[in-house]
PDB file of N, CA and C in Angstrom:
ATOM      1  N   MET A   1       6.529  16.165   2.869  1.00  0.00           N
ATOM      2  CA  MET A   1       6.702  14.819   2.260  1.00  0.00           C
ATOM      3  C   MET A   1       5.615  13.914   2.564  1.00  0.00           C
ATOM      4  N   GLU A   2       4.954  13.330   1.840  1.00  0.00           N
ATOM      5  CA  GLU A   2       3.827  12.442   2.013  1.00  0.00           C
ATOM      6  C   GLU A   2       4.022  10.881   2.327  1.00  0.00           C
ATOM      7  N   TYR A   3       3.857  10.357   3.334  1.00  0.00           N
ATOM      8  CA  TYR A   3       4.087   8.896   3.570  1.00  0.00           C
ATOM      9  C   TYR A   3       2.751   8.116   3.718  1.00  0.00           C
ATOM     10  N   LYS A   4       2.838   6.823   3.253  1.00  0.00           N
ATOM     11  CA  LYS A   4       1.706   6.176   3.113  1.00  0.00           C
ATOM     12  C   LYS A   4       1.475   5.375   4.454  1.00  0.00           C
ATOM     13  N   VAL A   5       2.378   4.773   5.104  1.00  0.00           N
ATOM     14  CA  VAL A   5       2.492   3.895   6.201  1.00  0.00           C
ATOM     15  C   VAL A   5       3.250   4.601   7.485  1.00  0.00           C
ATOM     16  N   PHE A   6       4.410   5.343   7.049  1.00  0.00           N
ATOM     17  CA  PHE A   6       5.416   5.819   7.863  1.00  0.00           C
ATOM     18  C   PHE A   6       4.922   7.296   8.604  1.00  0.00           C
ATOM     19  N   ASN A   7       5.127   7.445   9.931  1.00  0.00           N
ATOM     20  CA  ASN A   7       4.747   8.601  10.587  1.00  0.00           C
ATOM     21  C   ASN A   7       6.023   8.992  11.150  1.00  0.00           C
ATOM     22  N   PRO A   8       6.859   9.827  10.572  1.00  0.00           N
ATOM     23  CA  PRO A   8       8.230  10.381  10.879  1.00  0.00           C
ATOM     24  C   PRO A   8       8.090  11.063  12.338  1.00  0.00           C
ATOM     25  N   GLN A   9       6.978  11.831  12.480  1.00  0.00           N
ATOM     26  CA  GLN A   9       6.642  12.540  13.753  1.00  0.00           C
ATOM     27  C   GLN A   9       6.573  11.829  14.998  1.00  0.00           C
ATOM     28  N   TYR A  10       6.118  10.648  14.929  1.00  0.00           N
ATOM     29  CA  TYR A  10       6.157   9.539  15.962  1.00  0.00           C
ATOM     30  C   TYR A  10       7.381   9.132  16.368  1.00  0.00           C
ATOM     31  N   LEU A  11       8.163   8.848  15.402  1.00  0.00           N
ATOM     32  CA  LEU A  11       9.289   8.406  15.434  1.00  0.00           C
ATOM     33  C   LEU A  11      10.289   9.508  16.291  1.00  0.00           C
ATOM     34  N   GLU A  12      10.157  10.757  15.741  1.00  0.00           N
ATOM     35  CA  GLU A  12      10.980  11.577  16.357  1.00  0.00           C
ATOM     36  C   GLU A  12      10.598  12.024  17.768  1.00  0.00           C
ATOM     37  N   ASN A  13       9.143  11.915  17.977  1.00  0.00           N
ATOM     38  CA  ASN A  13       8.856  12.016  19.363  1.00  0.00           C
ATOM     39  C   ASN A  13       9.186  10.960  20.174  1.00  0.00           C
ATOM     40  N   VAL A  14       9.125   9.724  19.864  1.00  0.00           N
ATOM     41  CA  VAL A  14       9.770   8.598  20.771  1.00  0.00           C
ATOM     42  C   VAL A  14      11.300   8.754  20.942  1.00  0.00           C
ATOM     43  N   THR A  15      12.058   9.058  19.849  1.00  0.00           N
ATOM     44  CA  THR A  15      13.566   9.267  20.180  1.00  0.00           C
ATOM     45  C   THR A  15      14.085  10.757  20.751  1.00  0.00           C
ATOM     46  N   GLY A  16      13.287  11.567  21.014  1.00  0.00           N
ATOM     47  CA  GLY A  16      13.293  12.798  21.283  1.00  0.00           C
ATOM     48  C   GLY A  16      14.161  13.758  20.322  1.00  0.00           C
ATOM     49  N   GLY A  17      14.132  13.296  19.048  1.00  0.00           N
ATOM     50  CA  GLY A  17      14.758  13.826  17.878  1.00  0.00           C
ATOM     51  C   GLY A  17      16.296  13.458  17.989  1.00  0.00           C
ATOM     52  N   ASP A  18      16.701  12.800  18.787  1.00  0.00           N
ATOM     53  CA  ASP A  18      18.221  12.296  18.831  1.00  0.00           C
ATOM     54  C   ASP A  18      18.614  11.402  17.650  1.00  0.00           C
ATOM     55  N   PRO A  19      19.376  11.615  16.817  1.00  0.00           N
ATOM     56  CA  PRO A  19      19.503  10.886  15.488  1.00  0.00           C
ATOM     57  C   PRO A  19      20.182   9.495  15.865  1.00  0.00           C
ATOM     58  N   GLU A  20      21.027   9.551  16.773  1.00  0.00           N
ATOM     59  CA  GLU A  20      21.733   8.319  17.183  1.00  0.00           C
ATOM     60  C   GLU A  20      20.621   7.243  17.616  1.00  0.00           C
ATOM     61  N   ILE A  21      19.763   7.822  18.387  1.00  0.00           N
ATOM     62  CA  ILE A  21      18.547   6.815  18.994  1.00  0.00           C
ATOM     63  C   ILE A  21      17.667   6.468  17.787  1.00  0.00           C
ATOM     64  N   ARG A  22      17.308   7.322  17.143  1.00  0.00           N
ATOM     65  CA  ARG A  22      16.731   7.227  15.681  1.00  0.00           C
ATOM     66  C   ARG A  22      17.197   6.060  14.891  1.00  0.00           C
ATOM     67  N   ASN A  23      18.420   6.326  14.708  1.00  0.00           N
ATOM     68  CA  ASN A  23      19.208   5.199  13.799  1.00  0.00           C
ATOM     69  C   ASN A  23      19.304   3.897  14.437  1.00  0.00           C
ATOM     70  N   GLU A  24      19.439   3.976  15.651  1.00  0.00           N
ATOM     71  CA  GLU A  24      19.477   2.594  16.279  1.00  0.00           C
ATOM     72  C   GLU A  24      18.097   1.947  16.250  1.00  0.00           C
ATOM     73  N   ILE A  25      16.924   2.613  16.538  1.00  0.00           N
ATOM     74  CA  ILE A  25      15.696   1.961  16.590  1.00  0.00           C
ATOM     75  C   ILE A  25      15.390   1.573  14.883  1.00  0.00           C
ATOM     76  N   VAL A  26      15.667   2.430  14.132  1.00  0.00           N
ATOM     77  CA  VAL A  26      15.391   2.030  12.796  1.00  0.00           C
ATOM     78  C   VAL A  26      16.158   0.630  12.304  1.00  0.00           C
ATOM     79  N   GLY A  27      17.570   0.646  12.785  1.00  0.00           N
ATOM     80  CA  GLY A  27      18.397  -0.542  12.622  1.00  0.00           C
ATOM     81  C   GLY A  27      17.723  -1.941  13.128  1.00  0.00           C
ATOM     82  N   ILE A  28      17.249  -1.673  14.309  1.00  0.00           N
ATOM     83  CA  ILE A  28      16.502  -2.823  14.954  1.00  0.00           C
ATOM     84  C   ILE A  28      15.375  -3.379  14.269  1.00  0.00           C
ATOM     85  N   PHE A  29      14.536  -2.375  13.912  1.00  0.00           N
ATOM     86  CA  PHE A  29      13.294  -2.385  13.084  1.00  0.00           C
ATOM     87  C   PHE A  29      13.664  -3.117  11.849  1.00  0.00           C
ATOM     88  N   ARG A  30      14.645  -2.602  11.205  1.00  0.00           N
ATOM     89  CA  ARG A  30      15.034  -3.255   9.825  1.00  0.00           C
ATOM     90  C   ARG A  30      15.478  -4.784  10.069  1.00  0.00           C
ATOM     91  N   ASP A  31      16.141  -5.014  10.941  1.00  0.00           N
ATOM     92  CA  ASP A  31      16.568  -6.446  11.305  1.00  0.00           C
ATOM     93  C   ASP A  31      15.563  -7.345  11.477  1.00  0.00           C
ATOM     94  N   GLN A  32      14.546  -6.697  12.554  1.00  0.00           N
ATOM     95  CA  GLN A  32      13.364  -7.636  12.936  1.00  0.00           C
ATOM     96  C   GLN A  32      12.222  -8.121  11.659  1.00  0.00           C
ATOM     97  N   ILE A  33      12.229  -7.026  11.074  1.00  0.00           N
ATOM     98  CA  ILE A  33      11.102  -7.551   9.980  1.00  0.00           C
ATOM     99  C   ILE A  33      11.301  -8.974   9.348  1.00  0.00           C
ATOM    100  N   PRO A  34      12.280  -9.063   8.465  1.00  0.00           N
ATOM    101  CA  PRO A  34      12.296 -10.212   7.955  1.00  0.00           C
ATOM    102  C   PRO A  34      12.302 -11.628   8.716  1.00  0.00           C
ATOM    103  N   GLU A  35      12.870 -11.117   9.869  1.00  0.00           N
ATOM    104  CA  GLU A  35      12.490 -12.416  10.857  1.00  0.00           C
ATOM    105  C   GLU A  35      11.253 -12.691  11.361  1.00  0.00           C
ATOM    106  N   PHE A  36      10.332 -11.517  11.667  1.00  0.00           N
ATOM    107  CA  PHE A  36       8.993 -11.460  11.991  1.00  0.00           C
ATOM    108  C   PHE A  36       8.198 -12.357  10.642  1.00  0.00           C
ATOM    109  N   VAL A  37       8.563 -11.806   9.434  1.00  0.00           N
ATOM    110  CA  VAL A  37       7.760 -12.302   8.446  1.00  0.00           C
ATOM    111  C   VAL A  37       8.098 -14.053   8.026  1.00  0.00           C
ATOM    112  N   ALA A  38       9.417 -14.148   8.115  1.00  0.00           N
ATOM    113  CA  ALA A  38       9.821 -15.740   8.076  1.00  0.00           C
ATOM    114  C   ALA A  38       8.987 -16.475   9.312  1.00  0.00           C
ATOM    115  N   GLU A  39       9.002 -15.969  10.399  1.00  0.00           N
ATOM    116  CA  GLU A  39       8.626 -16.702  11.486  1.00  0.00           C
ATOM    117  C   GLU A  39       7.036 -17.088  11.412  1.00  0.00           C
ATOM    118  N   MET A  40       6.332 -15.535  10.939  1.00  0.00           N
ATOM    119  CA  MET A  40       4.939 -15.869  10.922  1.00  0.00           C
ATOM    120  C   MET A  40       4.446 -16.799   9.699  1.00  0.00           C
ATOM    121  N   LYS A  41       5.218 -16.856   8.617  1.00  0.00           N
ATOM    122  CA  LYS A  41       4.759 -17.976   7.580  1.00  0.00           C
ATOM    123  C   LYS A  41       5.024 -19.300   8.290  1.00  0.00           C
ATOM    124  N   LYS A  42       6.353 -19.560   8.961  1.00  0.00           N
ATOM    125  CA  LYS A  42       6.504 -20.938   9.584  1.00  0.00           C
ATOM    126  C   LYS A  42       5.347 -21.299  10.555  1.00  0.00           C
ATOM    127  N   LEU A  43       5.110 -20.485  11.348  1.00  0.00           N
ATOM    128  CA  LEU A  43       4.073 -20.775  12.337  1.00  0.00           C
ATOM    129  C   LEU A  43       2.629 -21.163  11.766  1.00  0.00           C
ATOM    130  N   PHE A  44       2.363 -20.415  10.680  1.00  0.00           N
ATOM    131  CA  PHE A  44       0.937 -20.470   9.939  1.00  0.00           C
ATOM    132  C   PHE A  44       1.101 -22.092   9.338  1.00  0.00           C
ATOM    133  N   GLU A  45       2.055 -22.359   8.681  1.00  0.00           N
ATOM    134  CA  GLU A  45       2.358 -23.489   8.105  1.00  0.00           C
ATOM    135  C   GLU A  45       2.127 -24.713   9.200  1.00  0.00           C
ATOM    136  N   LYS A  46       2.864 -24.544  10.201  1.00  0.00           N
ATOM    137  CA  LYS A  46       2.625 -25.651  11.295  1.00  0.00           C
ATOM    138  C   LYS A  46       1.293 -25.367  12.189  1.00  0.00           C
ATOM    139  N   GLN A  47       0.704 -24.586  11.775  1.00  0.00           N
ATOM    140  CA  GLN A  47      -0.679 -24.295  12.149  1.00  0.00           C
ATOM    141  C   GLN A  47      -0.423 -24.027  14.012  1.00  0.00           C
ATOM    142  N   MET A  48       0.566 -23.570  14.195  1.00  0.00           N
ATOM    143  CA  MET A  48       0.719 -23.068  15.589  1.00  0.00           C
ATOM    144  C   MET A  48       0.202 -21.500  15.918  1.00  0.00           C
ATOM    145  N   TYR A  49      -1.189 -21.651  15.750  1.00  0.00           N
ATOM    146  CA  TYR A  49      -1.885 -20.140  15.724  1.00  0.00           C
ATOM    147  C   TYR A  49      -1.705 -19.519  17.098  1.00  0.00           C
ATOM    148  N   TYR A  50      -1.551 -19.995  18.252  1.00  0.00           N
ATOM    149  CA  TYR A  50      -1.642 -19.102  19.247  1.00  0.00           C
ATOM    150  C   TYR A  50      -0.167 -18.550  19.315  1.00  0.00           C
ATOM    151  N   ASP A  51       1.060 -19.192  18.926  1.00  0.00           N
ATOM    152  CA  ASP A  51       2.205 -18.709  18.861  1.00  0.00           C
ATOM    153  C   ASP A  51       2.355 -17.535  17.803  1.00  0.00           C
ATOM    154  N   LEU A  52       1.703 -17.698  16.701  1.00  0.00           N
ATOM    155  CA  LEU A  52       1.435 -16.746  15.626  1.00  0.00           C
ATOM    156  C   LEU A  52       0.848 -15.414  16.320  1.00  0.00           C
ATOM    157  N   GLY A  53      -0.042 -15.544  17.121  1.00  0.00           N
ATOM    158  CA  GLY A  53      -0.863 -14.443  17.761  1.00  0.00           C
ATOM    159  C   GLY A  53       0.085 -13.505  18.894  1.00  0.00           C
ATOM    160  N   LEU A  54       1.133 -14.672  19.450  1.00  0.00           N
ATOM    161  CA  LEU A  54       1.983 -13.902  20.145  1.00  0.00           C
ATOM    162  C   LEU A  54       2.909 -13.141  19.307  1.00  0.00           C
ATOM    163  N   LEU A  55       3.327 -13.839  18.215  1.00  0.00           N
ATOM    164  CA  LEU A  55       4.447 -12.971  17.279  1.00  0.00           C
ATOM    165  C   LEU A  55       3.580 -11.773  16.563  1.00  0.00           C
ATOM    166  N   ALA A  56       2.322 -11.930  16.442  1.00  0.00           N
ATOM    167  CA  ALA A  56       1.801 -10.710  15.850  1.00  0.00           C
ATOM    168  C   ALA A  56       1.489  -9.581  16.896  1.00  0.00           C
ATOM    169  N   HIS A  57       1.611  -9.797  18.261  1.00  0.00           N
ATOM    170  CA  HIS A  57       1.619  -8.822  19.318  1.00  0.00           C
ATOM    171  C   HIS A  57       2.963  -8.153  19.338  1.00  0.00           C
ATOM    172  N   LYS A  58       3.981  -8.907  19.071  1.00  0.00           N
ATOM    173  CA  LYS A  58       5.209  -8.434  19.109  1.00  0.00           C
ATOM    174  C   LYS A  58       5.590  -7.499  17.776  1.00  0.00           C
ATOM    175  N   ALA A  59       5.258  -7.850  16.843  1.00  0.00           N
ATOM    176  CA  ALA A  59       5.289  -7.033  15.734  1.00  0.00           C
ATOM    177  C   ALA A  59       4.575  -5.959  15.597  1.00  0.00           C
ATOM    178  N   LYS A  60       3.325  -6.001  16.404  1.00  0.00           N
ATOM    179  CA  LYS A  60       2.530  -4.724  16.566  1.00  0.00           C
ATOM    180  C   LYS A  60       3.343  -3.549  17.311  1.00  0.00           C
ATOM    181  N   SER A  61       3.985  -4.059  18.351  1.00  0.00           N
ATOM    182  CA  SER A  61       4.704  -2.933  19.053  1.00  0.00           C
ATOM    183  C   SER A  61       5.810  -2.428  18.252  1.00  0.00           C
ATOM    184  N   SER A  62       6.609  -3.248  17.441  1.00  0.00           N
ATOM    185  CA  SER A  62       7.580  -2.696  16.478  1.00  0.00           C
ATOM    186  C   SER A  62       7.142  -1.619  15.590  1.00  0.00           C
ATOM    187  N   VAL A  63       5.915  -2.066  14.904  1.00  0.00           N
ATOM    188  CA  VAL A  63       5.326  -1.209  13.801  1.00  0.00           C
ATOM    189  C   VAL A  63       4.794   0.117  14.609  1.00  0.00           C
ATOM    190  N   ALA A  64       4.167   0.060  15.813  1.00  0.00           N
ATOM    191  CA  ALA A  64       3.719   1.331  16.555  1.00  0.00           C
ATOM    192  C   ALA A  64       4.782   2.240  16.495  1.00  0.00           C
ATOM    193  N   ILE A  65       6.131   1.973  16.684  1.00  0.00           N
ATOM    194  CA  ILE A  65       7.119   2.843  16.937  1.00  0.00           C
ATOM    195  C   ILE A  65       7.252   3.605  15.706  1.00  0.00           C
ATOM    196  N   MET A  66       6.970   3.183  14.594  1.00  0.00           N
ATOM    197  CA  MET A  66       7.260   3.696  13.211  1.00  0.00           C
ATOM    198  C   MET A  66       5.904   4.546  12.948  1.00  0.00           C
ATOM    199  N   GLY A  67       4.868   4.659  13.930  1.00  0.00           N
ATOM    200  CA  GLY A  67       3.816   5.371  13.727  1.00  0.00           C
ATOM    201  C   GLY A  67       2.855   4.800  12.409  1.00  0.00           C
ATOM    202  N   MET A  68       2.855   3.311  12.619  1.00  0.00           N
ATOM    203  CA  MET A  68       2.293   2.810  11.318  1.00  0.00           C
ATOM    204  C   MET A  68       0.867   2.215  12.144  1.00  0.00           C
ATOM    205  N   ASP A  69       0.077   3.250  12.197  1.00  0.00           N
ATOM    206  CA  ASP A  69      -1.121   2.892  13.131  1.00  0.00           C
ATOM    207  C   ASP A  69      -2.046   1.786  12.337  1.00  0.00           C
ATOM    208  N   GLY A  70      -2.283   2.210  10.969  1.00  0.00           N
ATOM    209  CA  GLY A  70      -3.144   1.039  10.135  1.00  0.00           C
ATOM    210  C   GLY A  70      -2.804  -0.386  10.433  1.00  0.00           C
ATOM    211  N   THR A  71      -1.568  -0.514  10.166  1.00  0.00           N
ATOM    212  CA  THR A  71      -0.689  -1.831  10.383  1.00  0.00           C
ATOM    213  C   THR A  71      -0.945  -2.472  11.918  1.00  0.00           C
ATOM    214  N   ALA A  72      -0.690  -1.436  12.790  1.00  0.00           N
ATOM    215  CA  ALA A  72      -0.769  -2.063  14.070  1.00  0.00           C
ATOM    216  C   ALA A  72      -2.128  -2.363  14.570  1.00  0.00           C
ATOM    217  N   LEU A  73      -3.316  -1.732  13.993  1.00  0.00           N
ATOM    218  CA  LEU A  73      -4.324  -2.018  14.284  1.00  0.00           C
ATOM    219  C   LEU A  73      -4.869  -3.376  13.565  1.00  0.00           C
ATOM    220  N   MET A  74      -4.303  -3.872  12.229  1.00  0.00           N
ATOM    221  CA  MET A  74      -4.565  -4.958  11.614  1.00  0.00           C
ATOM    222  C   MET A  74      -3.856  -6.122  12.382  1.00  0.00           C
ATOM    223  N   LEU A  75      -2.684  -5.782  12.937  1.00  0.00           N
ATOM    224  CA  LEU A  75      -1.936  -6.868  13.835  1.00  0.00           C
ATOM    225  C   LEU A  75      -2.546  -7.346  15.247  1.00  0.00           C
ATOM    226  N   LYS A  76      -3.490  -6.018  15.606  1.00  0.00           N
ATOM    227  CA  LYS A  76      -4.131  -6.508  17.060  1.00  0.00           C
ATOM    228  C   LYS A  76      -5.058  -7.478  16.557  1.00  0.00           C
ATOM    229  N   THR A  77      -5.942  -7.153  15.375  1.00  0.00           N
ATOM    230  CA  THR A  77      -7.222  -8.032  15.013  1.00  0.00           C
ATOM    231  C   THR A  77      -6.579  -9.552  14.717  1.00  0.00           C
ATOM    232  N   PHE A  78      -5.253  -9.585  14.154  1.00  0.00           N
ATOM    233  CA  PHE A  78      -4.574 -10.790  13.721  1.00  0.00           C
ATOM    234  C   PHE A  78      -4.303 -11.429  14.940  1.00  0.00           C
ATOM    235  N   GLU A  79      -3.571 -10.834  16.129  1.00  0.00           N
ATOM    236  CA  GLU A  79      -3.502 -11.313  17.322  1.00  0.00           C
ATOM    237  C   GLU A  79      -4.436 -11.851  17.932  1.00  0.00           C
ATOM    238  N   LEU A  80      -5.535 -11.353  18.154  1.00  0.00           N
ATOM    239  CA  LEU A  80      -6.655 -11.811  18.630  1.00  0.00           C
ATOM    240  C   LEU A  80      -7.201 -13.028  18.173  1.00  0.00           C
ATOM    241  N   GLN A  81      -7.252 -12.877  16.936  1.00  0.00           N
ATOM    242  CA  GLN A  81      -7.915 -14.260  16.248  1.00  0.00           C
ATOM    243  C   GLN A  81      -7.002 -15.240  16.140  1.00  0.00           C
ATOM    244  N   ALA A  82      -5.900 -15.067  16.115  1.00  0.00           N
ATOM    245  CA  ALA A  82      -4.863 -16.296  16.012  1.00  0.00           C
ATOM    246  C   ALA A  82      -4.821 -16.722  17.165  1.00  0.00           C
ATOM    247  N   LYS A  83      -4.549 -16.154  18.501  1.00  0.00           N
ATOM    248  CA  LYS A  83      -4.495 -16.716  19.645  1.00  0.00           C
ATOM    249  C   LYS A  83      -5.776 -17.664  20.053  1.00  0.00           C
ATOM    250  N   LYS A  84      -6.930 -17.315  19.323  1.00  0.00           N
ATOM    251  CA  LYS A  84      -8.122 -18.116  19.863  1.00  0.00           C
ATOM    252  C   LYS A  84      -8.354 -19.282  18.681  1.00  0.00           C
ATOM    253  N   GLY A  85      -7.231 -19.096  17.559  1.00  0.00           N
ATOM    254  CA  GLY A  85      -7.298 -19.949  16.420  1.00  0.00           C
ATOM    255  C   GLY A  85      -8.931 -19.805  15.579  1.00  0.00           C
ATOM    256  N   GLU A  86      -9.129 -18.526  15.568  1.00  0.00           N
ATOM    257  CA  GLU A  86     -10.497 -18.229  14.730  1.00  0.00           C
ATOM    258  C   GLU A  86      -9.912 -17.647  13.363  1.00  0.00           C
ATOM    259  N   ASN A  87     -10.700 -17.974  12.310  1.00  0.00           N
ATOM    260  CA  ASN A  87     -10.636 -17.630  10.957  1.00  0.00           C
ATOM    261  C   ASN A  87      -9.045 -17.797  10.415  1.00  0.00           C
ATOM    262  N   PRO A  88      -8.669 -19.118  10.469  1.00  0.00           N
ATOM    263  CA  PRO A  88      -7.221 -19.221   9.775  1.00  0.00           C
ATOM    264  C   PRO A  88      -7.081 -18.961   8.400  1.00  0.00           C
ATOM    265  N   PRO A  89      -7.956 -18.961   7.797  1.00  0.00           N
ATOM    266  CA  PRO A  89      -7.899 -18.788   6.167  1.00  0.00           C
ATOM    267  C   PRO A  89      -7.807 -17.062   6.017  1.00  0.00           C
ATOM    268  N   ASP A  90      -7.873 -16.344   6.998  1.00  0.00           N
ATOM    269  CA  ASP A  90      -7.514 -14.987   6.844  1.00  0.00           C
ATOM    270  C   ASP A  90      -6.080 -14.542   7.176  1.00  0.00           C
ATOM    271  N   TYR A  91      -5.316 -15.780   7.827  1.00  0.00           N
ATOM    272  CA  TYR A  91      -3.930 -15.302   8.471  1.00  0.00           C
ATOM    273  C   TYR A  91      -2.888 -14.935   7.065  1.00  0.00           C
ATOM    274  N   PRO A  92      -3.166 -15.888   6.039  1.00  0.00           N
ATOM    275  CA  PRO A  92      -2.156 -15.336   4.944  1.00  0.00           C
ATOM    276  C   PRO A  92      -2.139 -14.020   4.452  1.00  0.00           C
ATOM    277  N   GLY A  93      -3.433 -13.421   4.504  1.00  0.00           N
ATOM    278  CA  GLY A  93      -3.736 -12.037   4.045  1.00  0.00           C
ATOM    279  C   GLY A  93      -3.135 -11.103   5.101  1.00  0.00           C
ATOM    280  N   TYR A  94      -3.313 -11.405   6.582  1.00  0.00           N
ATOM    281  CA  TYR A  94      -2.399 -10.513   7.436  1.00  0.00           C
ATOM    282  C   TYR A  94      -1.049 -10.555   7.292  1.00  0.00           C
ATOM    283  N   ILE A  95      -0.671 -11.719   7.091  1.00  0.00           N
ATOM    284  CA  ILE A  95       1.024 -11.944   6.905  1.00  0.00           C
ATOM    285  C   ILE A  95       1.145 -11.040   5.621  1.00  0.00           C
ATOM    286  N   SER A  96       0.495 -11.378   4.497  1.00  0.00           N
ATOM    287  CA  SER A  96       0.775 -10.443   3.372  1.00  0.00           C
ATOM    288  C   SER A  96       0.962  -9.110   3.499  1.00  0.00           C
ATOM    289  N   ARG A  97      -0.110  -8.670   4.135  1.00  0.00           N
ATOM    290  CA  ARG A  97      -0.337  -7.129   4.429  1.00  0.00           C
ATOM    291  C   ARG A  97       1.034  -6.527   5.168  1.00  0.00           C
ATOM    292  N   PHE A  98       1.168  -7.557   6.201  1.00  0.00           N
ATOM    293  CA  PHE A  98       2.224  -7.025   7.114  1.00  0.00           C
ATOM    294  C   PHE A  98       3.549  -6.965   6.224  1.00  0.00           C
ATOM    295  N   GLU A  99       3.721  -7.875   5.505  1.00  0.00           N
ATOM    296  CA  GLU A  99       4.972  -7.941   4.482  1.00  0.00           C
ATOM    297  C   GLU A  99       4.944  -6.858   3.879  1.00  0.00           C
ATOM    298  N   GLU A 100       4.007  -6.438   2.966  1.00  0.00           N
ATOM    299  CA  GLU A 100       3.593  -5.180   2.093  1.00  0.00           C
ATOM    300  C   GLU A 100       3.948  -4.021   2.877  1.00  0.00           C
ATOM    301  N   ASP A 101       3.206  -3.653   3.935  1.00  0.00           N
ATOM    302  CA  ASP A 101       3.648  -2.506   4.641  1.00  0.00           C
ATOM    303  C   ASP A 101       4.925  -2.301   5.190  1.00  0.00           C
ATOM    304  N   THR A 102       5.594  -3.531   5.559  1.00  0.00           N
ATOM    305  CA  THR A 102       6.742  -3.203   6.200  1.00  0.00           C
ATOM    306  C   THR A 102       7.888  -3.027   5.407  1.00  0.00           C
ATOM    307  N   THR A 103       7.718  -3.508   3.964  1.00  0.00           N
ATOM    308  CA  THR A 103       8.554  -3.316   2.950  1.00  0.00           C
ATOM    309  C   THR A 103       8.447  -1.819   2.492  1.00  0.00           C
ATOM    310  N   LEU A 104       7.060  -1.312   2.361  1.00  0.00           N
ATOM    311  CA  LEU A 104       6.883   0.165   1.903  1.00  0.00           C
ATOM    312  C   LEU A 104       7.464   0.965   3.015  1.00  0.00           C
ATOM    313  N   VAL A 105       7.304   0.790   4.326  1.00  0.00           N
ATOM    314  CA  VAL A 105       7.678   1.587   5.466  1.00  0.00           C
ATOM    315  C   VAL A 105       9.274   1.647   5.360  1.00  0.00           C
ATOM    316  N   LEU A 106       9.919   0.567   5.043  1.00  0.00           N
ATOM    317  CA  LEU A 106      11.336   0.655   4.943  1.00  0.00           C
ATOM    318  C   LEU A 106      12.047   1.653   3.831  1.00  0.00           C
ATOM    319  N   GLU A 107      11.309   1.602   2.810  1.00  0.00           N
ATOM    320  CA  GLU A 107      11.510   2.569   1.595  1.00  0.00           C
ATOM    321  C   GLU A 107      11.082   3.899   2.182  1.00  0.00           C
ATOM    322  N   GLU A 108      10.080   4.235   2.751  1.00  0.00           N
ATOM    323  CA  GLU A 108       9.535   5.509   3.134  1.00  0.00           C
ATOM    324  C   GLU A 108      10.788   6.035   4.347  1.00  0.00           C
ATOM    325  N   ILE A 109      11.075   5.126   4.957  1.00  0.00           N
ATOM    326  CA  ILE A 109      12.277   5.293   6.345  1.00  0.00           C
ATOM    327  C   ILE A 109      13.532   5.954   5.597  1.00  0.00           C
ATOM    328  N   ASP A 110      13.840   4.946   4.434  1.00  0.00           N
ATOM    329  CA  ASP A 110      15.253   5.462   3.979  1.00  0.00           C
ATOM    330  C   ASP A 110      15.011   6.662   3.229  1.00  0.00           C
ATOM    331  N   ARG A 111      13.914   6.923   2.767  1.00  0.00           N
ATOM    332  CA  ARG A 111      13.914   8.467   1.759  1.00  0.00           C
ATOM    333  C   ARG A 111      13.736   9.613   3.121  1.00  0.00           C
ATOM    334  N   TYR A 112      13.087   9.447   4.035  1.00  0.00           N
ATOM    335  CA  TYR A 112      12.972  10.289   5.313  1.00  0.00           C
ATOM    336  C   TYR A 112      14.494  10.529   5.724  1.00  0.00           C
ATOM    337  N   LEU A 113      15.222   9.410   6.120  1.00  0.00           N
ATOM    338  CA  LEU A 113      16.601   9.456   6.633  1.00  0.00           C
ATOM    339  C   LEU A 113      17.514  10.172   5.673  1.00  0.00           C
ATOM    340  N   SER A 114      17.384   9.956   4.288  1.00  0.00           N
ATOM    341  CA  SER A 114      18.332  10.667   3.324  1.00  0.00           C
ATOM    342  C   SER A 114      18.048  12.307   3.095  1.00  0.00           C
ATOM    343  N   GLU A 115      16.770  12.237   3.487  1.00  0.00           N
ATOM    344  CA  GLU A 115      16.416  13.908   3.443  1.00  0.00           C
ATOM    345  C   GLU A 115      16.545  14.673   4.859  1.00  0.00           C
ATOM    346  N   ASN A 116      16.600  13.962   5.868  1.00  0.00           N
ATOM    347  CA  ASN A 116      16.803  14.596   7.145  1.00  0.00           C
ATOM    348  C   ASN A 116      17.948  14.056   8.107  1.00  0.00           C
ATOM    349  N   HIS A 117      19.114  13.657   7.572  1.00  0.00           N
ATOM    350  CA  HIS A 117      20.160  13.101   8.223  1.00  0.00           C
ATOM    351  C   HIS A 117      20.773  14.347   8.969  1.00  0.00           C
TER     352      HIS A 117
END
């Protein structure tokens, strides 16, 4: 099975293949994503760029567990720029990509879990 952003092998390695732990991690991830997106948009609106950088760092850790290397790399760039307040016009693009990638990964995770329960 081909996945665009999800790396199931990474998740399986992190959880030791334990379905209970895997489901718990996926559940936490699923709950965090809408909160991250909403908070990113709010912080950007308020021009709280340093806090936005801290949140990008936190989000990066979450996507890394799902093996989302490209998204994690983008969030690292976002984090470093936001903490310094550099290139604010780029931030909506980063937030948008994060939202798109995480929407897609949740679909891919659901497909993976339904095929490998």
